[in-house]
Amino acid sequence: MILPAYTDIAKQSVAYVNKFGCPPEYVADMLRDIADALTSIHPGSEPEGGCSCC
């Protein structure tokens, strides 16, 4: 379930780069900002935390 969502987000990101002509770094920074926001909302969640999704 996670891998298809991950793949879809990657495809959408590439489409935005192509559609708007923005540099890939801009989209990468936006994705990092989203990741930082998610991590700050759930400060106890870490990749090695033993979650069932990965």
C-alpha atoms as a PDB file:
ATOM      1  CA  MET A   1       0.000   0.000   0.000  1.00  0.00           C
ATOM      2  CA  ILE A   2       2.848   2.392   0.793  1.00  0.00           C
ATOM      3  CA  LEU A   3       4.975   1.646  -2.282  1.00  0.00           C
ATOM      4  CA  PRO A   4       2.240   2.566  -4.815  1.00  0.00           C
ATOM      5  CA  ALA A   5       1.596   5.828  -2.940  1.00  0.00           C
ATOM      6  CA  TYR A   6       5.328   6.562  -2.897  1.00  0.00           C
ATOM      7  CA  THR A   7       5.535   5.878  -6.632  1.00  0.00           C
ATOM      8  CA  ASP A   8       2.510   8.086  -7.313  1.00  0.00           C
ATOM      9  CA  ILE A   9       4.006  10.983  -5.337  1.00  0.00           C
ATOM     10  CA  ALA A  10       7.260  10.642  -7.304  1.00  0.00           C
ATOM     11  CA  LYS A  11       5.382  10.644 -10.630  1.00  0.00           C
ATOM     12  CA  GLN A  12       3.318  13.675  -9.586  1.00  0.00           C
ATOM     13  CA  SER A  13       6.481  15.503  -8.559  1.00  0.00           C
ATOM     14  CA  VAL A  14       8.091  14.887 -11.949  1.00  0.00           C
ATOM     15  CA  ALA A  15       4.881  16.019 -13.656  1.00  0.00           C
ATOM     16  CA  TYR A  16       4.933  19.300 -11.695  1.00  0.00           C
ATOM     17  CA  VAL A  17       8.551  19.907 -12.635  1.00  0.00           C
ATOM     18  CA  ASN A  18       7.667  19.353 -16.302  1.00  0.00           C
ATOM     19  CA  LYS A  19       4.365  21.266 -16.239  1.00  0.00           C
ATOM     20  CA  PHE A  20       5.603  24.373 -14.446  1.00  0.00           C
ATOM     21  CA  GLY A  21       9.210  24.286 -15.597  1.00  0.00           C
ATOM     22  CA  CYS A  22      10.517  24.669 -12.080  1.00  0.00           C
ATOM     23  CA  PRO A  23      13.838  23.169 -11.038  1.00  0.00           C
ATOM     24  CA  PRO A  24      13.689  19.697  -9.488  1.00  0.00           C
ATOM     25  CA  GLU A  25      15.380  21.136  -6.386  1.00  0.00           C
ATOM     26  CA  TYR A  26      12.305  23.299  -5.755  1.00  0.00           C
ATOM     27  CA  VAL A  27      10.014  20.269  -5.660  1.00  0.00           C
ATOM     28  CA  ALA A  28      12.563  18.349  -3.579  1.00  0.00           C
ATOM     29  CA  ASP A  29      12.602  21.189  -1.031  1.00  0.00           C
ATOM     30  CA  MET A  30       8.798  21.130  -0.897  1.00  0.00           C
ATOM     31  CA  LEU A  31       8.841  17.379  -0.250  1.00  0.00           C
ATOM     32  CA  ARG A  32      11.433  17.866   2.509  1.00  0.00           C
ATOM     33  CA  ASP A  33       9.214  20.533   4.076  1.00  0.00           C
ATOM     34  CA  ILE A  34       6.293  18.104   4.049  1.00  0.00           C
ATOM     35  CA  ALA A  35       8.472  15.405   5.620  1.00  0.00           C
ATOM     36  CA  ASP A  36       9.671  17.828   8.301  1.00  0.00           C
ATOM     37  CA  ALA A  37       6.083  18.847   9.080  1.00  0.00           C
ATOM     38  CA  LEU A  38       5.008  15.216   9.416  1.00  0.00           C
ATOM     39  CA  THR A  39       7.950  14.436  11.672  1.00  0.00           C
ATOM     40  CA  SER A  40       7.241  17.432  13.886  1.00  0.00           C
ATOM     41  CA  ILE A  41       3.596  16.375  14.253  1.00  0.00           C
ATOM     42  CA  HIS A  42       4.695  12.870  15.292  1.00  0.00           C
ATOM     43  CA  PRO A  43       8.034  13.442  17.057  1.00  0.00           C
ATOM     44  CA  GLY A  44       8.243   9.863  18.395  1.00  0.00           C
ATOM     45  CA  SER A  45       8.053   8.276  14.971  1.00  0.00           C
ATOM     46  CA  GLU A  46      11.360   7.219  13.490  1.00  0.00           C
ATOM     47  CA  PRO A  47      12.137   4.813  10.628  1.00  0.00           C
ATOM     48  CA  GLU A  48      13.722   2.293  12.986  1.00  0.00           C
ATOM     49  CA  GLY A  49      10.735   2.507  15.331  1.00  0.00           C
ATOM     50  CA  GLY A  50       9.410  -0.854  14.138  1.00  0.00           C
ATOM     51  CA  CYS A  51       6.349   0.378  12.270  1.00  0.00           C
ATOM     52  CA  SER A  52       4.315  -2.133  10.286  1.00  0.00           C
ATOM     53  CA  CYS A  53       4.401  -0.101   7.058  1.00  0.00           C
ATOM     54  CA  CYS A  54       8.029  -0.571   6.071  1.00  0.00           C
END
